[in-house]
């Protein structure tokens, strides 16, 4: 780990010596260092508010991050990608730093994309260049141009993300392939997994409008949920408790009379397991309502089995669910 990295960690953890504090003040006289530290501090302060799955050594993560960035910079890659391996504070720190570095060191920002993605069983937190915040759920991805905020504020989402958008004179747009969400400074959640039949958009505060094929303009108010059916290309607007749809950030999972297959998809992403139904149609024939928090995968499957007269078997990380004989 470099001297600058050690110094940033010491300042953020309030363990810096008087000499280190003097050295830090000298570093802050350079504008580029101030920009870097301000971004780092935002991510560091936000990390404790995100539910942690496991502890990670943040100093080790910082060092690993810098090595990745230096390697990418030397080879002049035109596509920056990072796979998240945990949602603990150190990795959240890593996500935002990677986004920042890719913008600072890239010489052709207009031609470069920044991509952050989370793997199965993990989550991540990102601070965008305009200070907007994005929480990414398991198996999700966000992509945007490295010159984000200069010509536009457009991001591309695959999977699920919660957005806290900063007000700006340039519109903020979220593209989920099937349609775009035009944001007017707000907090909202979007679940748009490619392998699911519906896209869920829930608005907590502010205003958004949904545009499809540059023809439709569906305006959404706080407390409303928009469900888009991919098979019919139809939108359905409902009044709901929207906090339940973004509760995955607090490690909570709500089901609203939904098919067991949808629950299985969520469990697979959260616990990095495989769930199958025997017969396959069983997953769509049985619906379930309930809420889960810190239960293990088997505690959840036990609860479902009791409620729906089902049983399951386990082989490795694969669970097979069927009707109890």
C-alpha atoms as a PDB file:
ATOM      1  CA  UNK A   1       0.000   0.000   0.000  1.00  0.00           C
ATOM      2  CA  UNK A   2       1.384   3.447  -0.938  1.00  0.00           C
ATOM      3  CA  UNK A   3       2.021   6.253   1.520  1.00  0.00           C
ATOM      4  CA  UNK A   4      -0.966   8.215   0.200  1.00  0.00           C
ATOM      5  CA  UNK A   5      -3.272   5.217   0.647  1.00  0.00           C
ATOM      6  CA  UNK A   6      -2.081   4.698   4.228  1.00  0.00           C
ATOM      7  CA  UNK A   7      -2.579   8.398   4.918  1.00  0.00           C
ATOM      8  CA  UNK A   8      -6.171   8.412   3.605  1.00  0.00           C
ATOM      9  CA  UNK A   9      -7.020   5.369   5.720  1.00  0.00           C
ATOM     10  CA  UNK A  10      -5.484   6.982   8.814  1.00  0.00           C
ATOM     11  CA  UNK A  11      -7.479  10.207   8.326  1.00  0.00           C
ATOM     12  CA  UNK A  12     -10.765   8.391   7.692  1.00  0.00           C
ATOM     13  CA  UNK A  13     -10.330   6.106  10.703  1.00  0.00           C
ATOM     14  CA  UNK A  14      -9.191   9.006  12.940  1.00  0.00           C
ATOM     15  CA  UNK A  15      -5.880   7.284  13.731  1.00  0.00           C
ATOM     16  CA  UNK A  16      -3.550   9.798  12.045  1.00  0.00           C
ATOM     17  CA  UNK A  17      -0.590  11.115  14.006  1.00  0.00           C
ATOM     18  CA  UNK A  18       0.107  14.892  14.183  1.00  0.00           C
ATOM     19  CA  UNK A  19       2.784  14.436  11.530  1.00  0.00           C
ATOM     20  CA  UNK A  20       0.386  12.560   9.246  1.00  0.00           C
ATOM     21  CA  UNK A  21      -2.204  15.311   9.686  1.00  0.00           C
ATOM     22  CA  UNK A  22       0.355  17.913   8.570  1.00  0.00           C
ATOM     23  CA  UNK A  23       1.231  15.740   5.575  1.00  0.00           C
ATOM     24  CA  UNK A  24      -2.468  15.390   4.724  1.00  0.00           C
ATOM     25  CA  UNK A  25      -2.959  19.161   4.788  1.00  0.00           C
ATOM     26  CA  UNK A  26      -0.084  19.560   2.325  1.00  0.00           C
ATOM     27  CA  UNK A  27      -1.628  16.969  -0.002  1.00  0.00           C
ATOM     28  CA  UNK A  28      -4.962  18.802   0.091  1.00  0.00           C
ATOM     29  CA  UNK A  29      -3.335  21.911  -1.369  1.00  0.00           C
ATOM     30  CA  UNK A  30      -3.417  20.096  -4.712  1.00  0.00           C
ATOM     31  CA  UNK A  31      -6.906  20.194  -6.250  1.00  0.00           C
ATOM     32  CA  UNK A  32      -6.709  16.695  -7.710  1.00  0.00           C
ATOM     33  CA  UNK A  33      -5.979  15.236  -4.266  1.00  0.00           C
ATOM     34  CA  UNK A  34      -8.912  17.142  -2.748  1.00  0.00           C
ATOM     35  CA  UNK A  35     -11.272  15.780  -5.409  1.00  0.00           C
ATOM     36  CA  UNK A  36     -10.076  12.242  -4.796  1.00  0.00           C
ATOM     37  CA  UNK A  37     -10.360  12.483  -1.028  1.00  0.00           C
ATOM     38  CA  UNK A  38     -13.822  14.096  -1.148  1.00  0.00           C
ATOM     39  CA  UNK A  39     -15.131  11.205  -3.224  1.00  0.00           C
ATOM     40  CA  UNK A  40     -13.443   8.665  -0.961  1.00  0.00           C
ATOM     41  CA  UNK A  41     -14.926  10.302   2.131  1.00  0.00           C
ATOM     42  CA  UNK A  42     -18.474  10.210   0.725  1.00  0.00           C
ATOM     43  CA  UNK A  43     -18.232   6.476   0.110  1.00  0.00           C
ATOM     44  CA  UNK A  44     -16.553   5.812   3.445  1.00  0.00           C
ATOM     45  CA  UNK A  45     -19.282   7.667   5.372  1.00  0.00           C
ATOM     46  CA  UNK A  46     -22.105   5.958   3.481  1.00  0.00           C
ATOM     47  CA  UNK A  47     -20.778   2.422   3.961  1.00  0.00           C
ATOM     48  CA  UNK A  48     -22.039   1.876   7.564  1.00  0.00           C
ATOM     49  CA  UNK A  49     -25.632   2.483   6.433  1.00  0.00           C
ATOM     50  CA  UNK A  50     -25.591  -0.518   4.096  1.00  0.00           C
ATOM     51  CA  UNK A  51     -26.273  -3.997   5.498  1.00  0.00           C
ATOM     52  CA  UNK A  52     -23.069  -6.041   5.591  1.00  0.00           C
ATOM     53  CA  UNK A  53     -22.947  -9.704   4.656  1.00  0.00           C
ATOM     54  CA  UNK A  54     -19.436 -10.279   5.994  1.00  0.00           C
ATOM     55  CA  UNK A  55     -16.406  -8.343   7.134  1.00  0.00           C
ATOM     56  CA  UNK A  56     -13.648  -7.446   4.722  1.00  0.00           C
ATOM     57  CA  UNK A  57     -10.247  -5.877   5.402  1.00  0.00           C
ATOM     58  CA  UNK A  58     -10.708  -2.422   3.849  1.00  0.00           C
ATOM     59  CA  UNK A  59      -6.967  -1.712   3.745  1.00  0.00           C
ATOM     60  CA  UNK A  60      -6.364  -4.849   1.726  1.00  0.00           C
ATOM     61  CA  UNK A  61      -9.231  -3.912  -0.598  1.00  0.00           C
ATOM     62  CA  UNK A  62      -7.791  -0.423  -1.102  1.00  0.00           C
ATOM     63  CA  UNK A  63      -4.431  -1.871  -2.114  1.00  0.00           C
ATOM     64  CA  UNK A  64      -6.064  -4.393  -4.468  1.00  0.00           C
ATOM     65  CA  UNK A  65      -8.078  -1.584  -6.041  1.00  0.00           C
ATOM     66  CA  UNK A  66      -5.045   0.540  -6.862  1.00  0.00           C
ATOM     67  CA  UNK A  67      -3.291  -2.428  -8.447  1.00  0.00           C
ATOM     68  CA  UNK A  68      -6.337  -3.079 -10.662  1.00  0.00           C
ATOM     69  CA  UNK A  69      -6.526   0.572 -11.690  1.00  0.00           C
ATOM     70  CA  UNK A  70      -2.825   0.801 -12.521  1.00  0.00           C
ATOM     71  CA  UNK A  71      -3.057  -2.357 -14.639  1.00  0.00           C
ATOM     72  CA  UNK A  72      -6.075  -1.035 -16.519  1.00  0.00           C
ATOM     73  CA  UNK A  73      -4.403   2.329 -17.079  1.00  0.00           C
ATOM     74  CA  UNK A  74      -1.188   0.803 -18.459  1.00  0.00           C
ATOM     75  CA  UNK A  75      -3.021  -1.342 -20.989  1.00  0.00           C
ATOM     76  CA  UNK A  76      -5.344   1.559 -21.942  1.00  0.00           C
ATOM     77  CA  UNK A  77      -8.473  -0.582 -21.945  1.00  0.00           C
ATOM     78  CA  UNK A  78     -11.569   1.096 -23.355  1.00  0.00           C
ATOM     79  CA  UNK A  79     -13.940  -0.729 -21.050  1.00  0.00           C
ATOM     80  CA  UNK A  80     -13.627  -0.605 -17.269  1.00  0.00           C
ATOM     81  CA  UNK A  81     -15.209  -3.443 -15.325  1.00  0.00           C
ATOM     82  CA  UNK A  82     -15.107  -4.464 -11.703  1.00  0.00           C
ATOM     83  CA  UNK A  83     -16.787  -7.484 -10.138  1.00  0.00           C
ATOM     84  CA  UNK A  84     -17.925  -6.962  -6.574  1.00  0.00           C
ATOM     85  CA  UNK A  85     -17.177  -9.808  -4.161  1.00  0.00           C
ATOM     86  CA  UNK A  86     -18.861  -8.466  -1.024  1.00  0.00           C
ATOM     87  CA  UNK A  87     -21.065  -5.641   0.247  1.00  0.00           C
ATOM     88  CA  UNK A  88     -18.933  -4.888   3.296  1.00  0.00           C
ATOM     89  CA  UNK A  89     -17.590  -1.390   3.902  1.00  0.00           C
ATOM     90  CA  UNK A  90     -14.211  -2.028   2.313  1.00  0.00           C
ATOM     91  CA  UNK A  91     -15.718  -3.189  -0.975  1.00  0.00           C
ATOM     92  CA  UNK A  92     -18.197  -0.332  -1.071  1.00  0.00           C
ATOM     93  CA  UNK A  93     -15.175   1.939  -0.727  1.00  0.00           C
ATOM     94  CA  UNK A  94     -13.576   0.069  -3.599  1.00  0.00           C
ATOM     95  CA  UNK A  95     -16.544   0.534  -5.926  1.00  0.00           C
ATOM     96  CA  UNK A  96     -16.674   4.305  -5.701  1.00  0.00           C
ATOM     97  CA  UNK A  97     -12.928   4.680  -5.918  1.00  0.00           C
ATOM     98  CA  UNK A  98     -12.772   2.642  -9.098  1.00  0.00           C
ATOM     99  CA  UNK A  99     -15.396   4.841 -10.698  1.00  0.00           C
ATOM    100  CA  UNK A 100     -13.458   7.944  -9.737  1.00  0.00           C
ATOM    101  CA  UNK A 101     -10.082   6.677 -10.909  1.00  0.00           C
ATOM    102  CA  UNK A 102     -11.433   5.597 -14.270  1.00  0.00           C
ATOM    103  CA  UNK A 103     -12.514   9.194 -14.857  1.00  0.00           C
ATOM    104  CA  UNK A 104      -9.340  10.825 -13.549  1.00  0.00           C
ATOM    105  CA  UNK A 105      -6.832   8.767 -15.502  1.00  0.00           C
ATOM    106  CA  UNK A 106      -8.703   8.203 -18.743  1.00  0.00           C
ATOM    107  CA  UNK A 107      -7.619  10.443 -21.600  1.00  0.00           C
ATOM    108  CA  UNK A 108     -10.577   9.738 -23.924  1.00  0.00           C
ATOM    109  CA  UNK A 109     -13.518   9.929 -21.535  1.00  0.00           C
ATOM    110  CA  UNK A 110     -16.072  10.556 -24.277  1.00  0.00           C
ATOM    111  CA  UNK A 111     -15.249   7.156 -25.793  1.00  0.00           C
ATOM    112  CA  UNK A 112     -14.992   5.188 -22.560  1.00  0.00           C
ATOM    113  CA  UNK A 113     -17.632   3.442 -20.500  1.00  0.00           C
ATOM    114  CA  UNK A 114     -17.515   2.793 -16.770  1.00  0.00           C
ATOM    115  CA  UNK A 115     -19.237  -0.369 -15.602  1.00  0.00           C
ATOM    116  CA  UNK A 116     -19.824  -1.592 -12.053  1.00  0.00           C
ATOM    117  CA  UNK A 117     -21.374  -4.990 -11.435  1.00  0.00           C
ATOM    118  CA  UNK A 118     -22.182  -7.217  -8.479  1.00  0.00           C
ATOM    119  CA  UNK A 119     -21.961 -10.988  -8.487  1.00  0.00           C
ATOM    120  CA  UNK A 120     -24.356 -13.519  -6.993  1.00  0.00           C
ATOM    121  CA  UNK A 121     -24.827 -13.163  -3.241  1.00  0.00           C
ATOM    122  CA  UNK A 122     -23.355  -9.640  -3.071  1.00  0.00           C
ATOM    123  CA  UNK A 123     -24.329  -5.972  -3.222  1.00  0.00           C
ATOM    124  CA  UNK A 124     -22.507  -2.713  -3.891  1.00  0.00           C
ATOM    125  CA  UNK A 125     -22.758   1.043  -3.488  1.00  0.00           C
ATOM    126  CA  UNK A 126     -21.694   3.629  -6.059  1.00  0.00           C
ATOM    127  CA  UNK A 127     -21.329   7.411  -5.966  1.00  0.00           C
ATOM    128  CA  UNK A 128     -21.664   8.806  -9.491  1.00  0.00           C
ATOM    129  CA  UNK A 129     -19.617  11.813 -10.687  1.00  0.00           C
ATOM    130  CA  UNK A 130     -22.611  14.143 -10.057  1.00  0.00           C
ATOM    131  CA  UNK A 131     -22.821  12.880  -6.416  1.00  0.00           C
ATOM    132  CA  UNK A 132     -25.946  10.796  -7.134  1.00  0.00           C
ATOM    133  CA  UNK A 133     -25.920   7.525  -5.199  1.00  0.00           C
ATOM    134  CA  UNK A 134     -26.759   4.058  -6.476  1.00  0.00           C
ATOM    135  CA  UNK A 135     -27.170   0.831  -4.480  1.00  0.00           C
ATOM    136  CA  UNK A 136     -26.900  -2.318  -6.619  1.00  0.00           C
ATOM    137  CA  UNK A 137     -28.508  -5.599  -5.615  1.00  0.00           C
ATOM    138  CA  UNK A 138     -27.070  -9.046  -6.336  1.00  0.00           C
ATOM    139  CA  UNK A 139     -26.289  -9.910  -9.991  1.00  0.00           C
ATOM    140  CA  UNK A 140     -26.819  -6.322 -11.141  1.00  0.00           C
ATOM    141  CA  UNK A 141     -24.896  -3.915 -13.337  1.00  0.00           C
ATOM    142  CA  UNK A 142     -24.783  -0.192 -14.011  1.00  0.00           C
ATOM    143  CA  UNK A 143     -22.969   1.401 -16.942  1.00  0.00           C
ATOM    144  CA  UNK A 144     -22.376   5.014 -17.965  1.00  0.00           C
ATOM    145  CA  UNK A 145     -19.964   7.136 -20.008  1.00  0.00           C
ATOM    146  CA  UNK A 146     -16.808   8.321 -18.295  1.00  0.00           C
ATOM    147  CA  UNK A 147     -17.736  11.940 -19.176  1.00  0.00           C
ATOM    148  CA  UNK A 148     -21.035  11.473 -17.290  1.00  0.00           C
ATOM    149  CA  UNK A 149     -22.485  14.842 -16.266  1.00  0.00           C
ATOM    150  CA  UNK A 150     -20.710  16.872 -18.953  1.00  0.00           C
ATOM    151  CA  UNK A 151     -22.987  16.125 -21.914  1.00  0.00           C
ATOM    152  CA  UNK A 152     -25.647  13.941 -20.272  1.00  0.00           C
ATOM    153  CA  UNK A 153     -26.517  11.958 -17.139  1.00  0.00           C
ATOM    154  CA  UNK A 154     -27.630   8.666 -18.638  1.00  0.00           C
ATOM    155  CA  UNK A 155     -27.043   5.277 -17.028  1.00  0.00           C
ATOM    156  CA  UNK A 156     -27.876   1.758 -18.194  1.00  0.00           C
ATOM    157  CA  UNK A 157     -29.198  -0.657 -15.558  1.00  0.00           C
ATOM    158  CA  UNK A 158     -29.407  -4.428 -15.669  1.00  0.00           C
ATOM    159  CA  UNK A 159     -30.817  -6.063 -12.534  1.00  0.00           C
ATOM    160  CA  UNK A 160     -31.937  -4.081  -9.497  1.00  0.00           C
ATOM    161  CA  UNK A 161     -30.826  -0.710  -8.200  1.00  0.00           C
ATOM    162  CA  UNK A 162     -31.958   1.991  -5.794  1.00  0.00           C
ATOM    163  CA  UNK A 163     -31.234   5.561  -6.914  1.00  0.00           C
ATOM    164  CA  UNK A 164     -30.850   8.738  -4.864  1.00  0.00           C
ATOM    165  CA  UNK A 165     -30.462  11.344  -7.608  1.00  0.00           C
ATOM    166  CA  UNK A 166     -28.878  14.759  -7.125  1.00  0.00           C
ATOM    167  CA  UNK A 167     -30.656  17.736  -8.671  1.00  0.00           C
ATOM    168  CA  UNK A 168     -28.848  19.084 -11.745  1.00  0.00           C
ATOM    169  CA  UNK A 169     -29.611  21.169 -14.823  1.00  0.00           C
ATOM    170  CA  UNK A 170     -29.044  18.101 -17.016  1.00  0.00           C
ATOM    171  CA  UNK A 171     -31.782  15.404 -16.875  1.00  0.00           C
ATOM    172  CA  UNK A 172     -30.965  12.067 -15.261  1.00  0.00           C
ATOM    173  CA  UNK A 173     -32.069   9.056 -17.343  1.00  0.00           C
ATOM    174  CA  UNK A 174     -32.103   5.355 -16.432  1.00  0.00           C
ATOM    175  CA  UNK A 175     -32.278   2.974 -19.385  1.00  0.00           C
ATOM    176  CA  UNK A 176     -33.581  -0.535 -18.598  1.00  0.00           C
ATOM    177  CA  UNK A 177     -33.663  -1.726 -22.217  1.00  0.00           C
ATOM    178  CA  UNK A 178     -37.461  -1.921 -22.538  1.00  0.00           C
ATOM    179  CA  UNK A 179     -37.979   1.737 -21.602  1.00  0.00           C
ATOM    180  CA  UNK A 180     -36.318   4.783 -20.036  1.00  0.00           C
ATOM    181  CA  UNK A 181     -36.982   6.535 -16.739  1.00  0.00           C
ATOM    182  CA  UNK A 182     -36.661  10.317 -16.747  1.00  0.00           C
ATOM    183  CA  UNK A 183     -35.763  11.476 -13.250  1.00  0.00           C
ATOM    184  CA  UNK A 184     -36.505  14.837 -11.656  1.00  0.00           C
ATOM    185  CA  UNK A 185     -34.320  14.679  -8.516  1.00  0.00           C
ATOM    186  CA  UNK A 186     -35.686  11.785  -6.515  1.00  0.00           C
ATOM    187  CA  UNK A 187     -35.363   8.435  -4.720  1.00  0.00           C
ATOM    188  CA  UNK A 188     -36.672   5.300  -6.432  1.00  0.00           C
ATOM    189  CA  UNK A 189     -36.078   1.582  -6.911  1.00  0.00           C
ATOM    190  CA  UNK A 190     -35.960  -0.357 -10.187  1.00  0.00           C
ATOM    191  CA  UNK A 191     -35.944  -4.149 -10.549  1.00  0.00           C
ATOM    192  CA  UNK A 192     -35.214  -5.096 -14.173  1.00  0.00           C
ATOM    193  CA  UNK A 193     -33.655  -8.560 -14.306  1.00  0.00           C
ATOM    194  CA  UNK A 194     -33.448  -9.970 -17.856  1.00  0.00           C
ATOM    195  CA  UNK A 195     -34.673 -13.427 -16.767  1.00  0.00           C
ATOM    196  CA  UNK A 196     -37.874 -12.122 -15.146  1.00  0.00           C
ATOM    197  CA  UNK A 197     -41.162 -11.381 -16.908  1.00  0.00           C
ATOM    198  CA  UNK A 198     -41.842  -8.031 -15.252  1.00  0.00           C
ATOM    199  CA  UNK A 199     -40.003  -4.806 -14.382  1.00  0.00           C
ATOM    200  CA  UNK A 200     -40.874  -3.069 -11.104  1.00  0.00           C
ATOM    201  CA  UNK A 201     -40.317   0.668 -10.566  1.00  0.00           C
ATOM    202  CA  UNK A 202     -41.284   2.167  -7.182  1.00  0.00           C
ATOM    203  CA  UNK A 203     -41.014   5.857  -6.303  1.00  0.00           C
ATOM    204  CA  UNK A 204     -40.274   7.000  -2.745  1.00  0.00           C
ATOM    205  CA  UNK A 205     -39.944  10.758  -3.295  1.00  0.00           C
ATOM    206  CA  UNK A 206     -39.716  13.326  -6.079  1.00  0.00           C
ATOM    207  CA  UNK A 207     -41.022  12.698  -9.579  1.00  0.00           C
ATOM    208  CA  UNK A 208     -40.237  10.370 -12.464  1.00  0.00           C
ATOM    209  CA  UNK A 209     -41.754   9.764 -15.867  1.00  0.00           C
ATOM    210  CA  UNK A 210     -41.470   6.614 -17.961  1.00  0.00           C
ATOM    211  CA  UNK A 211     -40.920   6.849 -21.699  1.00  0.00           C
ATOM    212  CA  UNK A 212     -41.155   3.981 -24.182  1.00  0.00           C
ATOM    213  CA  UNK A 213     -40.293   4.268 -27.873  1.00  0.00           C
ATOM    214  CA  UNK A 214     -40.261   8.063 -27.416  1.00  0.00           C
ATOM    215  CA  UNK A 215     -44.068   7.966 -27.500  1.00  0.00           C
ATOM    216  CA  UNK A 216     -45.394   7.252 -24.027  1.00  0.00           C
ATOM    217  CA  UNK A 217     -44.943   9.499 -21.029  1.00  0.00           C
ATOM    218  CA  UNK A 218     -46.251   7.845 -17.855  1.00  0.00           C
ATOM    219  CA  UNK A 219     -45.904  10.171 -14.869  1.00  0.00           C
ATOM    220  CA  UNK A 220     -45.356   8.550 -11.481  1.00  0.00           C
ATOM    221  CA  UNK A 221     -46.029  10.062  -8.047  1.00  0.00           C
ATOM    222  CA  UNK A 222     -44.464   9.142  -4.679  1.00  0.00           C
ATOM    223  CA  UNK A 223     -45.968   5.972  -3.197  1.00  0.00           C
ATOM    224  CA  UNK A 224     -46.696   4.448  -6.602  1.00  0.00           C
ATOM    225  CA  UNK A 225     -45.410   1.218  -8.138  1.00  0.00           C
ATOM    226  CA  UNK A 226     -45.210   0.738 -11.901  1.00  0.00           C
ATOM    227  CA  UNK A 227     -45.252  -2.865 -13.141  1.00  0.00           C
ATOM    228  CA  UNK A 228     -44.245  -3.415 -16.750  1.00  0.00           C
ATOM    229  CA  UNK A 229     -45.231  -6.750 -18.314  1.00  0.00           C
ATOM    230  CA  UNK A 230     -42.681  -7.705 -20.963  1.00  0.00           C
ATOM    231  CA  UNK A 231     -45.048 -10.125 -22.709  1.00  0.00           C
ATOM    232  CA  UNK A 232     -47.776  -7.536 -23.306  1.00  0.00           C
ATOM    233  CA  UNK A 233     -45.670  -4.346 -23.200  1.00  0.00           C
ATOM    234  CA  UNK A 234     -48.289  -2.932 -20.807  1.00  0.00           C
ATOM    235  CA  UNK A 235     -47.810  -0.721 -17.741  1.00  0.00           C
ATOM    236  CA  UNK A 236     -49.816  -1.091 -14.534  1.00  0.00           C
ATOM    237  CA  UNK A 237     -49.775   1.650 -11.884  1.00  0.00           C
ATOM    238  CA  UNK A 238     -50.507   0.819  -8.208  1.00  0.00           C
ATOM    239  CA  UNK A 239     -50.483   2.572  -4.837  1.00  0.00           C
ATOM    240  CA  UNK A 240     -48.273   0.550  -2.457  1.00  0.00           C
ATOM    241  CA  UNK A 241     -45.922   0.730   0.503  1.00  0.00           C
ATOM    242  CA  UNK A 242     -42.929   1.523  -1.709  1.00  0.00           C
ATOM    243  CA  UNK A 243     -40.375   1.062   1.086  1.00  0.00           C
ATOM    244  CA  UNK A 244     -40.974  -2.683   0.869  1.00  0.00           C
ATOM    245  CA  UNK A 245     -39.678  -2.733  -2.706  1.00  0.00           C
ATOM    246  CA  UNK A 246     -36.328  -1.232  -1.735  1.00  0.00           C
ATOM    247  CA  UNK A 247     -36.048  -3.091   1.584  1.00  0.00           C
ATOM    248  CA  UNK A 248     -33.386  -5.398   0.144  1.00  0.00           C
ATOM    249  CA  UNK A 249     -30.916  -2.687   1.158  1.00  0.00           C
ATOM    250  CA  UNK A 250     -31.773  -3.506   4.786  1.00  0.00           C
ATOM    251  CA  UNK A 251     -31.540  -7.230   4.010  1.00  0.00           C
ATOM    252  CA  UNK A 252     -35.336  -7.635   3.959  1.00  0.00           C
ATOM    253  CA  UNK A 253     -37.293  -9.447   1.257  1.00  0.00           C
ATOM    254  CA  UNK A 254     -41.049  -8.965   0.784  1.00  0.00           C
ATOM    255  CA  UNK A 255     -43.354 -11.178  -1.257  1.00  0.00           C
ATOM    256  CA  UNK A 256     -46.794  -9.917  -2.302  1.00  0.00           C
ATOM    257  CA  UNK A 257     -48.846 -12.973  -3.355  1.00  0.00           C
ATOM    258  CA  UNK A 258     -46.174 -13.676  -5.968  1.00  0.00           C
ATOM    259  CA  UNK A 259     -45.250 -16.927  -7.648  1.00  0.00           C
ATOM    260  CA  UNK A 260     -42.725 -19.123  -5.854  1.00  0.00           C
ATOM    261  CA  UNK A 261     -40.546 -18.961  -8.969  1.00  0.00           C
ATOM    262  CA  UNK A 262     -40.020 -15.231  -8.363  1.00  0.00           C
ATOM    263  CA  UNK A 263     -39.057 -15.929  -4.755  1.00  0.00           C
ATOM    264  CA  UNK A 264     -36.701 -18.664  -5.952  1.00  0.00           C
ATOM    265  CA  UNK A 265     -35.015 -16.164  -8.302  1.00  0.00           C
ATOM    266  CA  UNK A 266     -34.447 -13.776  -5.400  1.00  0.00           C
ATOM    267  CA  UNK A 267     -33.096 -16.527  -3.175  1.00  0.00           C
ATOM    268  CA  UNK A 268     -30.722 -17.746  -5.880  1.00  0.00           C
ATOM    269  CA  UNK A 269     -29.264 -14.263  -6.275  1.00  0.00           C
ATOM    270  CA  UNK A 270     -29.025 -13.586  -2.550  1.00  0.00           C
ATOM    271  CA  UNK A 271     -27.582 -16.924  -1.404  1.00  0.00           C
ATOM    272  CA  UNK A 272     -25.781 -17.994  -4.605  1.00  0.00           C
ATOM    273  CA  UNK A 273     -27.674 -21.284  -4.860  1.00  0.00           C
ATOM    274  CA  UNK A 274     -29.736 -23.094  -7.510  1.00  0.00           C
ATOM    275  CA  UNK A 275     -33.431 -23.814  -6.904  1.00  0.00           C
ATOM    276  CA  UNK A 276     -35.525 -26.054  -9.165  1.00  0.00           C
ATOM    277  CA  UNK A 277     -39.163 -27.139  -9.003  1.00  0.00           C
ATOM    278  CA  UNK A 278     -40.408 -30.653  -9.697  1.00  0.00           C
ATOM    279  CA  UNK A 279     -42.387 -30.450 -11.886  1.00  0.00           C
ATOM    280  CA  UNK A 280     -41.105 -27.176 -13.351  1.00  0.00           C
ATOM    281  CA  UNK A 281     -44.627 -25.664 -13.491  1.00  0.00           C
ATOM    282  CA  UNK A 282     -44.908 -25.891  -9.706  1.00  0.00           C
ATOM    283  CA  UNK A 283     -42.974 -22.655  -9.263  1.00  0.00           C
ATOM    284  CA  UNK A 284     -45.600 -20.664 -11.169  1.00  0.00           C
ATOM    285  CA  UNK A 285     -48.648 -22.457  -9.762  1.00  0.00           C
ATOM    286  CA  UNK A 286     -48.099 -21.617  -6.086  1.00  0.00           C
ATOM    287  CA  UNK A 287     -48.062 -18.047  -4.784  1.00  0.00           C
ATOM    288  CA  UNK A 288     -46.671 -16.758  -1.526  1.00  0.00           C
ATOM    289  CA  UNK A 289     -46.878 -13.653   0.698  1.00  0.00           C
ATOM    290  CA  UNK A 290     -44.490 -12.911   3.516  1.00  0.00           C
ATOM    291  CA  UNK A 291     -41.305 -11.164   4.609  1.00  0.00           C
ATOM    292  CA  UNK A 292     -37.843 -12.557   5.318  1.00  0.00           C
ATOM    293  CA  UNK A 293     -34.902 -10.821   6.989  1.00  0.00           C
ATOM    294  CA  UNK A 294     -31.825 -12.612   8.314  1.00  0.00           C
ATOM    295  CA  UNK A 295     -33.044 -16.192   7.895  1.00  0.00           C
ATOM    296  CA  UNK A 296     -30.801 -18.765   6.265  1.00  0.00           C
ATOM    297  CA  UNK A 297     -31.785 -20.272   2.921  1.00  0.00           C
ATOM    298  CA  UNK A 298     -32.962 -23.474   4.602  1.00  0.00           C
ATOM    299  CA  UNK A 299     -34.991 -21.596   7.235  1.00  0.00           C
ATOM    300  CA  UNK A 300     -36.812 -19.834   4.393  1.00  0.00           C
ATOM    301  CA  UNK A 301     -37.395 -23.071   2.480  1.00  0.00           C
ATOM    302  CA  UNK A 302     -38.654 -24.711   5.687  1.00  0.00           C
ATOM    303  CA  UNK A 303     -41.194 -21.883   6.158  1.00  0.00           C
ATOM    304  CA  UNK A 304     -42.372 -22.164   2.547  1.00  0.00           C
ATOM    305  CA  UNK A 305     -42.653 -25.943   2.811  1.00  0.00           C
ATOM    306  CA  UNK A 306     -44.835 -25.738   5.922  1.00  0.00           C
ATOM    307  CA  UNK A 307     -47.070 -23.008   4.470  1.00  0.00           C
ATOM    308  CA  UNK A 308     -47.541 -24.656   1.064  1.00  0.00           C
ATOM    309  CA  UNK A 309     -47.330 -28.373   1.909  1.00  0.00           C
ATOM    310  CA  UNK A 310     -44.092 -28.787  -0.002  1.00  0.00           C
ATOM    311  CA  UNK A 311     -40.804 -30.530   0.650  1.00  0.00           C
ATOM    312  CA  UNK A 312     -37.280 -30.083  -0.647  1.00  0.00           C
ATOM    313  CA  UNK A 313     -34.030 -31.956  -1.015  1.00  0.00           C
ATOM    314  CA  UNK A 314     -30.493 -30.602  -1.148  1.00  0.00           C
ATOM    315  CA  UNK A 315     -27.490 -31.726  -3.171  1.00  0.00           C
ATOM    316  CA  UNK A 316     -24.500 -29.405  -2.949  1.00  0.00           C
ATOM    317  CA  UNK A 317     -25.838 -25.895  -3.474  1.00  0.00           C
ATOM    318  CA  UNK A 318     -28.840 -27.172  -5.478  1.00  0.00           C
ATOM    319  CA  UNK A 319     -32.304 -27.381  -3.899  1.00  0.00           C
ATOM    320  CA  UNK A 320     -35.171 -29.308  -5.487  1.00  0.00           C
ATOM    321  CA  UNK A 321     -38.702 -28.384  -4.332  1.00  0.00           C
ATOM    322  CA  UNK A 322     -41.710 -30.660  -4.882  1.00  0.00           C
ATOM    323  CA  UNK A 323     -45.170 -31.435  -3.490  1.00  0.00           C
ATOM    324  CA  UNK A 324     -45.116 -33.426  -0.300  1.00  0.00           C
ATOM    325  CA  UNK A 325     -46.356 -36.999  -0.877  1.00  0.00           C
END
